[in-house]
PDB file of N, CA and C in Angstrom:
ATOM      1  N   MET A   1     -89.465 168.293-146.827  1.00  0.00           N
ATOM      2  CA  MET A   1     -90.202 169.290-144.786  1.00  0.00           C
ATOM      3  C   MET A   1     -89.892 170.185-147.159  1.00  0.00           C
ATOM      4  N   ASP A   2     -90.942 171.671-146.494  1.00  0.00           N
ATOM      5  CA  ASP A   2     -91.023 172.626-147.707  1.00  0.00           C
ATOM      6  C   ASP A   2     -90.706 173.141-147.335  1.00  0.00           C
ATOM      7  N   LEU A   3     -89.585 174.158-148.119  1.00  0.00           N
ATOM      8  CA  LEU A   3     -88.864 175.283-147.348  1.00  0.00           C
ATOM      9  C   LEU A   3     -89.042 177.073-147.749  1.00  0.00           C
ATOM     10  N   LEU A   4     -90.198 177.435-147.167  1.00  0.00           N
ATOM     11  CA  LEU A   4     -90.699 178.905-147.480  1.00  0.00           C
ATOM     12  C   LEU A   4     -89.793 180.097-146.696  1.00  0.00           C
ATOM     13  N   ILE A   5     -89.324 180.936-148.366  1.00  0.00           N
ATOM     14  CA  ILE A   5     -88.313 182.142-147.203  1.00  0.00           C
ATOM     15  C   ILE A   5     -89.125 183.016-147.290  1.00  0.00           C
ATOM     16  N   SER A   6     -89.728 184.081-146.560  1.00  0.00           N
ATOM     17  CA  SER A   6     -90.621 185.440-147.177  1.00  0.00           C
ATOM     18  C   SER A   6     -89.848 186.183-147.606  1.00  0.00           C
ATOM     19  N   GLU A   7     -90.130 187.315-147.520  1.00  0.00           N
ATOM     20  CA  GLU A   7     -89.656 188.193-148.708  1.00  0.00           C
ATOM     21  C   GLU A   7     -88.294 189.685-148.198  1.00  0.00           C
ATOM     22  N   HIS A   8     -88.843 189.505-146.228  1.00  0.00           N
ATOM     23  CA  HIS A   8     -87.592 189.862-145.808  1.00  0.00           C
ATOM     24  C   HIS A   8     -86.730 189.052-145.756  1.00  0.00           C
ATOM     25  N   ALA A   9     -86.248 187.502-145.415  1.00  0.00           N
ATOM     26  CA  ALA A   9     -85.755 186.371-145.415  1.00  0.00           C
ATOM     27  C   ALA A   9     -84.501 187.013-147.033  1.00  0.00           C
ATOM     28  N   GLU A  10     -85.609 186.501-148.443  1.00  0.00           N
ATOM     29  CA  GLU A  10     -84.765 186.316-149.117  1.00  0.00           C
ATOM     30  C   GLU A  10     -84.306 188.147-149.452  1.00  0.00           C
ATOM     31  N   LYS A  11     -84.638 189.395-149.299  1.00  0.00           N
ATOM     32  CA  LYS A  11     -83.204 190.574-149.346  1.00  0.00           C
ATOM     33  C   LYS A  11     -82.748 190.353-148.682  1.00  0.00           C
ATOM     34  N   GLU A  12     -82.659 190.050-147.108  1.00  0.00           N
ATOM     35  CA  GLU A  12     -82.404 189.949-146.124  1.00  0.00           C
ATOM     36  C   GLU A  12     -80.630 188.951-146.494  1.00  0.00           C
ATOM     37  N   LEU A  13     -80.633 187.928-147.447  1.00  0.00           N
ATOM     38  CA  LEU A  13     -80.053 186.700-147.781  1.00  0.00           C
ATOM     39  C   LEU A  13     -79.381 187.555-149.432  1.00  0.00           C
ATOM     40  N   LYS A  14     -79.765 187.954-149.979  1.00  0.00           N
ATOM     41  CA  LYS A  14     -79.389 189.214-151.046  1.00  0.00           C
ATOM     42  C   LYS A  14     -78.236 189.424-151.364  1.00  0.00           C
ATOM     43  N   ASN A  15     -78.362 190.532-149.419  1.00  0.00           N
ATOM     44  CA  ASN A  15     -77.776 191.550-149.330  1.00  0.00           C
ATOM     45  C   ASN A  15     -76.589 190.518-148.305  1.00  0.00           C
ATOM     46  N   LEU A  16     -76.162 189.920-148.134  1.00  0.00           N
ATOM     47  CA  LEU A  16     -74.987 189.423-147.387  1.00  0.00           C
ATOM     48  C   LEU A  16     -74.050 188.609-148.059  1.00  0.00           C
ATOM     49  N   PRO A  17     -72.671 189.427-147.977  1.00  0.00           N
ATOM     50  CA  PRO A  17     -71.632 188.488-148.751  1.00  0.00           C
ATOM     51  C   PRO A  17     -71.515 187.670-149.220  1.00  0.00           C
ATOM     52  N   ARG A  18     -70.643 187.495-150.130  1.00  0.00           N
ATOM     53  CA  ARG A  18     -70.775 186.019-150.165  1.00  0.00           C
ATOM     54  C   ARG A  18     -70.511 184.761-150.334  1.00  0.00           C
ATOM     55  N   ASP A  19     -69.529 184.758-149.135  1.00  0.00           N
ATOM     56  CA  ASP A  19     -68.461 183.769-147.941  1.00  0.00           C
ATOM     57  C   ASP A  19     -70.190 183.567-147.066  1.00  0.00           C
ATOM     58  N   ILE A  20     -70.759 184.807-146.739  1.00  0.00           N
ATOM     59  CA  ILE A  20     -71.632 184.627-145.473  1.00  0.00           C
ATOM     60  C   ILE A  20     -73.183 183.549-146.433  1.00  0.00           C
ATOM     61  N   GLN A  21     -73.334 184.163-147.308  1.00  0.00           N
ATOM     62  CA  GLN A  21     -74.260 183.762-148.090  1.00  0.00           C
ATOM     63  C   GLN A  21     -73.766 181.819-148.823  1.00  0.00           C
ATOM     64  N   SER A  22     -73.095 182.357-148.703  1.00  0.00           N
ATOM     65  CA  SER A  22     -73.044 180.540-148.386  1.00  0.00           C
ATOM     66  C   SER A  22     -73.167 179.317-147.860  1.00  0.00           C
ATOM     67  N   LEU A  23     -72.926 180.138-146.057  1.00  0.00           N
ATOM     68  CA  LEU A  23     -73.342 179.839-145.186  1.00  0.00           C
ATOM     69  C   LEU A  23     -74.500 178.972-144.440  1.00  0.00           C
ATOM     70  N   PHE A  24     -75.868 180.380-145.054  1.00  0.00           N
ATOM     71  CA  PHE A  24     -77.013 180.577-144.931  1.00  0.00           C
ATOM     72  C   PHE A  24     -77.128 178.969-145.629  1.00  0.00           C
ATOM     73  N   LEU A  25     -77.135 179.611-146.565  1.00  0.00           N
ATOM     74  CA  LEU A  25     -78.354 178.468-148.056  1.00  0.00           C
ATOM     75  C   LEU A  25     -77.553 176.994-147.466  1.00  0.00           C
ATOM     76  N   LYS A  26     -76.458 176.711-146.779  1.00  0.00           N
ATOM     77  CA  LYS A  26     -76.078 175.191-146.337  1.00  0.00           C
ATOM     78  C   LYS A  26     -76.490 174.739-144.947  1.00  0.00           C
ATOM     79  N   HIS A  27     -77.015 175.551-144.252  1.00  0.00           N
ATOM     80  CA  HIS A  27     -77.298 175.812-143.257  1.00  0.00           C
ATOM     81  C   HIS A  27     -79.497 175.138-143.637  1.00  0.00           C
ATOM     82  N   LEU A  28     -79.610 176.396-144.793  1.00  0.00           N
ATOM     83  CA  LEU A  28     -81.452 176.586-145.082  1.00  0.00           C
ATOM     84  C   LEU A  28     -81.430 174.402-145.998  1.00  0.00           C
ATOM     85  N   GLU A  29     -80.373 174.217-146.580  1.00  0.00           N
ATOM     86  CA  GLU A  29     -80.726 172.995-147.501  1.00  0.00           C
ATOM     87  C   GLU A  29     -80.350 171.937-145.326  1.00  0.00           C
ATOM     88  N   LYS A  30     -79.943 172.044-144.560  1.00  0.00           N
ATOM     89  CA  LYS A  30     -79.310 170.616-143.984  1.00  0.00           C
ATOM     90  C   LYS A  30     -81.402 171.364-142.801  1.00  0.00           C
ATOM     91  N   MET A  31     -81.826 172.384-142.798  1.00  0.00           N
ATOM     92  CA  MET A  31     -83.049 172.578-142.169  1.00  0.00           C
ATOM     93  C   MET A  31     -83.884 171.869-142.838  1.00  0.00           C
ATOM     94  N   GLN A  32     -83.813 171.954-144.049  1.00  0.00           N
ATOM     95  CA  GLN A  32     -84.800 170.809-145.268  1.00  0.00           C
ATOM     96  C   GLN A  32     -85.245 169.308-145.147  1.00  0.00           C
ATOM     97  N   GLU A  33     -83.811 169.247-144.736  1.00  0.00           N
ATOM     98  CA  GLU A  33     -83.859 167.654-144.117  1.00  0.00           C
ATOM     99  C   GLU A  33     -84.587 167.626-142.820  1.00  0.00           C
ATOM    100  N   ARG A  34     -84.102 167.618-141.905  1.00  0.00           N
ATOM    101  CA  ARG A  34     -84.258 167.576-140.782  1.00  0.00           C
ATOM    102  C   ARG A  34     -83.608 169.047-139.603  1.00  0.00           C
ATOM    103  N   PRO A  35     -85.066 170.284-139.853  1.00  0.00           N
ATOM    104  CA  PRO A  35     -84.817 170.783-139.159  1.00  0.00           C
ATOM    105  C   PRO A  35     -85.079 170.919-137.507  1.00  0.00           C
ATOM    106  N   PRO A  36     -83.817 171.835-137.073  1.00  0.00           N
ATOM    107  CA  PRO A  36     -84.000 171.572-136.040  1.00  0.00           C
ATOM    108  C   PRO A  36     -84.888 172.536-135.074  1.00  0.00           C
ATOM    109  N   GLN A  37     -85.448 172.172-133.594  1.00  0.00           N
ATOM    110  CA  GLN A  37     -86.128 172.568-132.980  1.00  0.00           C
ATOM    111  C   GLN A  37     -85.789 173.730-131.609  1.00  0.00           C
ATOM    112  N   LYS A  38     -85.187 174.836-132.082  1.00  0.00           N
ATOM    113  CA  LYS A  38     -84.456 174.833-130.507  1.00  0.00           C
ATOM    114  C   LYS A  38     -85.486 176.179-130.406  1.00  0.00           C
ATOM    115  N   HIS A  39     -86.802 176.401-129.898  1.00  0.00           N
ATOM    116  CA  HIS A  39     -87.696 177.406-129.271  1.00  0.00           C
ATOM    117  C   HIS A  39     -86.490 178.883-128.658  1.00  0.00           C
ATOM    118  N   MET A  40     -86.974 180.208-129.072  1.00  0.00           N
ATOM    119  CA  MET A  40     -87.237 181.017-128.230  1.00  0.00           C
ATOM    120  C   MET A  40     -87.389 181.641-127.440  1.00  0.00           C
ATOM    121  N   LYS A  41     -86.972 182.435-126.553  1.00  0.00           N
ATOM    122  CA  LYS A  41     -87.711 182.809-125.375  1.00  0.00           C
ATOM    123  C   LYS A  41     -88.042 183.535-125.230  1.00  0.00           C
ATOM    124  N   HIS A  42     -88.843 183.541-123.626  1.00  0.00           N
ATOM    125  CA  HIS A  42     -89.228 184.461-123.762  1.00  0.00           C
ATOM    126  C   HIS A  42     -90.623 184.939-124.274  1.00  0.00           C
ATOM    127  N   GLY A  43     -91.986 183.377-124.848  1.00  0.00           N
ATOM    128  CA  GLY A  43     -92.818 184.002-125.694  1.00  0.00           C
ATOM    129  C   GLY A  43     -92.834 184.251-127.020  1.00  0.00           C
ATOM    130  N   ILE A  44     -91.633 184.291-127.243  1.00  0.00           N
ATOM    131  CA  ILE A  44     -91.531 184.801-128.698  1.00  0.00           C
ATOM    132  C   ILE A  44     -91.539 183.233-130.056  1.00  0.00           C
ATOM    133  N   LEU A  45     -92.483 183.288-131.006  1.00  0.00           N
ATOM    134  CA  LEU A  45     -93.457 181.756-130.723  1.00  0.00           C
ATOM    135  C   LEU A  45     -92.450 181.794-132.297  1.00  0.00           C
ATOM    136  N   CYS A  46     -91.002 181.687-132.533  1.00  0.00           N
ATOM    137  CA  CYS A  46     -90.906 181.293-134.174  1.00  0.00           C
ATOM    138  C   CYS A  46     -89.329 180.557-132.903  1.00  0.00           C
ATOM    139  N   HIS A  47     -88.365 179.876-133.820  1.00  0.00           N
ATOM    140  CA  HIS A  47     -87.993 179.340-133.832  1.00  0.00           C
ATOM    141  C   HIS A  47     -86.696 179.952-134.213  1.00  0.00           C
ATOM    142  N   VAL A  48     -85.239 179.443-133.751  1.00  0.00           N
ATOM    143  CA  VAL A  48     -83.587 179.920-133.442  1.00  0.00           C
ATOM    144  C   VAL A  48     -82.931 179.171-134.711  1.00  0.00           C
ATOM    145  N   GLU A  49     -82.040 179.751-135.325  1.00  0.00           N
ATOM    146  CA  GLU A  49     -81.081 178.121-135.931  1.00  0.00           C
ATOM    147  C   GLU A  49     -79.758 179.460-135.687  1.00  0.00           C
ATOM    148  N   THR A  50     -78.054 178.899-135.156  1.00  0.00           N
ATOM    149  CA  THR A  50     -77.015 179.720-135.213  1.00  0.00           C
ATOM    150  C   THR A  50     -76.256 179.074-136.738  1.00  0.00           C
ATOM    151  N   VAL A  51     -75.577 180.585-137.746  1.00  0.00           N
ATOM    152  CA  VAL A  51     -75.412 179.931-138.349  1.00  0.00           C
ATOM    153  C   VAL A  51     -73.241 180.121-138.651  1.00  0.00           C
ATOM    154  N   THR A  52     -73.198 181.034-136.915  1.00  0.00           N
ATOM    155  CA  THR A  52     -72.460 181.384-137.623  1.00  0.00           C
ATOM    156  C   THR A  52     -71.793 181.988-135.443  1.00  0.00           C
ATOM    157  N   ARG A  53     -70.967 182.475-135.497  1.00  0.00           N
ATOM    158  CA  ARG A  53     -70.803 182.898-133.680  1.00  0.00           C
ATOM    159  C   ARG A  53     -71.632 184.148-134.224  1.00  0.00           C
ATOM    160  N   GLN A  54     -72.606 185.326-134.973  1.00  0.00           N
ATOM    161  CA  GLN A  54     -73.490 186.363-134.696  1.00  0.00           C
ATOM    162  C   GLN A  54     -74.451 185.921-135.635  1.00  0.00           C
ATOM    163  N   ALA A  55     -74.141 185.220-136.763  1.00  0.00           N
ATOM    164  CA  ALA A  55     -75.735 185.113-137.347  1.00  0.00           C
ATOM    165  C   ALA A  55     -76.610 183.831-137.401  1.00  0.00           C
ATOM    166  N   ARG A  56     -77.832 184.131-137.937  1.00  0.00           N
ATOM    167  CA  ARG A  56     -79.117 184.078-137.478  1.00  0.00           C
ATOM    168  C   ARG A  56     -79.971 183.016-138.577  1.00  0.00           C
ATOM    169  N   ILE A  57     -80.863 182.069-138.364  1.00  0.00           N
ATOM    170  CA  ILE A  57     -82.025 181.929-138.962  1.00  0.00           C
ATOM    171  C   ILE A  57     -83.088 182.210-138.388  1.00  0.00           C
ATOM    172  N   ILE A  58     -84.463 182.851-138.540  1.00  0.00           N
ATOM    173  CA  ILE A  58     -84.531 182.545-137.421  1.00  0.00           C
ATOM    174  C   ILE A  58     -85.828 182.286-138.391  1.00  0.00           C
ATOM    175  N   TYR A  59     -86.765 180.895-137.649  1.00  0.00           N
ATOM    176  CA  TYR A  59     -87.690 180.110-139.189  1.00  0.00           C
ATOM    177  C   TYR A  59     -89.234 179.851-137.844  1.00  0.00           C
ATOM    178  N   ASP A  60     -90.399 179.465-138.601  1.00  0.00           N
ATOM    179  CA  ASP A  60     -91.041 178.758-137.859  1.00  0.00           C
ATOM    180  C   ASP A  60     -91.726 177.625-138.812  1.00  0.00           C
ATOM    181  N   ILE A  61     -92.335 176.176-137.947  1.00  0.00           N
ATOM    182  CA  ILE A  61     -93.231 175.805-138.540  1.00  0.00           C
ATOM    183  C   ILE A  61     -93.809 175.115-138.361  1.00  0.00           C
ATOM    184  N   ASN A  62     -95.209 174.756-139.632  1.00  0.00           N
ATOM    185  CA  ASN A  62     -96.251 174.453-140.010  1.00  0.00           C
ATOM    186  C   ASN A  62     -96.436 173.662-140.026  1.00  0.00           C
ATOM    187  N   GLY A  63     -96.339 172.662-139.330  1.00  0.00           N
ATOM    188  CA  GLY A  63     -96.956 171.060-139.974  1.00  0.00           C
ATOM    189  C   GLY A  63     -95.237 170.181-140.936  1.00  0.00           C
ATOM    190  N   ASP A  64     -95.771 169.901-142.185  1.00  0.00           N
ATOM    191  CA  ASP A  64     -94.393 169.495-142.845  1.00  0.00           C
ATOM    192  C   ASP A  64     -93.531 170.982-144.052  1.00  0.00           C
ATOM    193  N   ARG A  65     -93.681 172.336-142.966  1.00  0.00           N
ATOM    194  CA  ARG A  65     -93.437 174.033-143.453  1.00  0.00           C
ATOM    195  C   ARG A  65     -92.849 174.142-142.959  1.00  0.00           C
ATOM    196  N   VAL A  66     -91.343 175.080-143.189  1.00  0.00           N
ATOM    197  CA  VAL A  66     -90.313 175.528-142.941  1.00  0.00           C
ATOM    198  C   VAL A  66     -90.179 176.533-143.436  1.00  0.00           C
ATOM    199  N   CYS A  67     -90.881 177.634-142.469  1.00  0.00           N
ATOM    200  CA  CYS A  67     -91.115 179.182-142.504  1.00  0.00           C
ATOM    201  C   CYS A  67     -89.659 179.796-142.286  1.00  0.00           C
ATOM    202  N   ILE A  68     -88.865 180.511-143.401  1.00  0.00           N
ATOM    203  CA  ILE A  68     -87.907 180.991-142.879  1.00  0.00           C
ATOM    204  C   ILE A  68     -88.353 182.583-143.044  1.00  0.00           C
ATOM    205  N   LEU A  69     -87.842 183.433-142.040  1.00  0.00           N
ATOM    206  CA  LEU A  69     -88.740 184.590-141.209  1.00  0.00           C
ATOM    207  C   LEU A  69     -87.628 185.337-141.793  1.00  0.00           C
ATOM    208  N   HIS A  70     -86.789 185.724-141.258  1.00  0.00           N
ATOM    209  CA  HIS A  70     -85.296 186.279-141.558  1.00  0.00           C
ATOM    210  C   HIS A  70     -84.218 185.833-141.375  1.00  0.00           C
ATOM    211  N   CYS A  71     -82.882 186.603-142.220  1.00  0.00           N
ATOM    212  CA  CYS A  71     -81.231 185.908-141.977  1.00  0.00           C
ATOM    213  C   CYS A  71     -80.965 187.216-141.608  1.00  0.00           C
ATOM    214  N   PHE A  72     -80.360 186.876-140.327  1.00  0.00           N
ATOM    215  CA  PHE A  72     -79.300 187.629-139.852  1.00  0.00           C
ATOM    216  C   PHE A  72     -78.314 187.546-140.003  1.00  0.00           C
ATOM    217  N   ALA A  73     -77.149 188.578-140.001  1.00  0.00           N
ATOM    218  CA  ALA A  73     -75.506 188.525-140.799  1.00  0.00           C
ATOM    219  C   ALA A  73     -75.077 189.065-139.211  1.00  0.00           C
ATOM    220  N   THR A  74     -75.672 189.940-138.579  1.00  0.00           N
ATOM    221  CA  THR A  74     -74.823 190.460-137.591  1.00  0.00           C
ATOM    222  C   THR A  74     -75.770 189.834-136.119  1.00  0.00           C
ATOM    223  N   HIS A  75     -75.189 189.459-135.231  1.00  0.00           N
ATOM    224  CA  HIS A  75     -75.604 190.329-133.394  1.00  0.00           C
ATOM    225  C   HIS A  75     -76.071 191.179-133.368  1.00  0.00           C
ATOM    226  N   LYS A  76     -76.600 192.005-133.875  1.00  0.00           N
ATOM    227  CA  LYS A  76     -76.686 193.553-133.898  1.00  0.00           C
ATOM    228  C   LYS A  76     -78.561 193.644-134.400  1.00  0.00           C
ATOM    229  N   GLU A  77     -78.213 193.143-135.269  1.00  0.00           N
ATOM    230  CA  GLU A  77     -78.805 193.454-136.746  1.00  0.00           C
ATOM    231  C   GLU A  77     -80.673 191.962-135.364  1.00  0.00           C
ATOM    232  N   TYR A  78     -79.241 191.315-135.365  1.00  0.00           N
ATOM    233  CA  TYR A  78     -80.311 190.229-134.019  1.00  0.00           C
ATOM    234  C   TYR A  78     -81.692 190.524-133.239  1.00  0.00           C
ATOM    235  N   GLU A  79     -80.525 190.711-132.167  1.00  0.00           N
ATOM    236  CA  GLU A  79     -80.176 191.698-131.229  1.00  0.00           C
ATOM    237  C   GLU A  79     -82.095 192.386-131.187  1.00  0.00           C
ATOM    238  N   ASN A  80     -81.623 194.247-132.157  1.00  0.00           N
ATOM    239  CA  ASN A  80     -82.286 195.072-132.208  1.00  0.00           C
ATOM    240  C   ASN A  80     -83.881 193.840-132.790  1.00  0.00           C
ATOM    241  N   TRP A  81     -83.752 193.005-133.866  1.00  0.00           N
ATOM    242  CA  TRP A  81     -85.316 192.598-133.594  1.00  0.00           C
ATOM    243  C   TRP A  81     -86.045 191.950-132.717  1.00  0.00           C
ATOM    244  N   TYR A  82     -85.060 190.789-132.154  1.00  0.00           N
ATOM    245  CA  TYR A  82     -85.329 190.211-130.885  1.00  0.00           C
ATOM    246  C   TYR A  82     -85.998 191.617-129.983  1.00  0.00           C
ATOM    247  N   LEU A  83     -85.000 192.742-129.689  1.00  0.00           N
ATOM    248  CA  LEU A  83     -85.000 193.794-128.387  1.00  0.00           C
ATOM    249  C   LEU A  83     -86.852 193.836-129.090  1.00  0.00           C
ATOM    250  N   SER A  84     -87.936 194.088-130.547  1.00  0.00           N
ATOM    251  CA  SER A  84     -89.365 194.488-130.608  1.00  0.00           C
ATOM    252  C   SER A  84     -89.172 194.204-129.847  1.00  0.00           C
ATOM    253  N   TYR A  85     -89.858 192.801-129.334  1.00  0.00           N
ATOM    254  CA  TYR A  85     -90.629 191.437-128.632  1.00  0.00           C
ATOM    255  C   TYR A  85     -90.621 192.391-127.628  1.00  0.00           C
ATOM    256  N   ARG A  86     -90.456 193.139-126.192  1.00  0.00           N
ATOM    257  CA  ARG A  86     -90.049 193.081-125.144  1.00  0.00           C
ATOM    258  C   ARG A  86     -91.004 194.472-125.169  1.00  0.00           C
TER     259      ARG A  86
END
């Protein structure tokens, strides 16, 4: 599968501490082989991958492409983004 990273996700990924960044990169490698398909709730047309207890990757699948939309290091960042859809 092709893995595309949006500008937002790329900036968020670069601003992460090195140890967390390496965890994200490992998950992105796994997602390129076989992405999990856990949909978000409340009609949000994205998928979510849990990296750590608080960190999340938000992505979308279009055919054989996986588009990384956001990389959130904390649950607070993820929650603020998630609540913006309500």
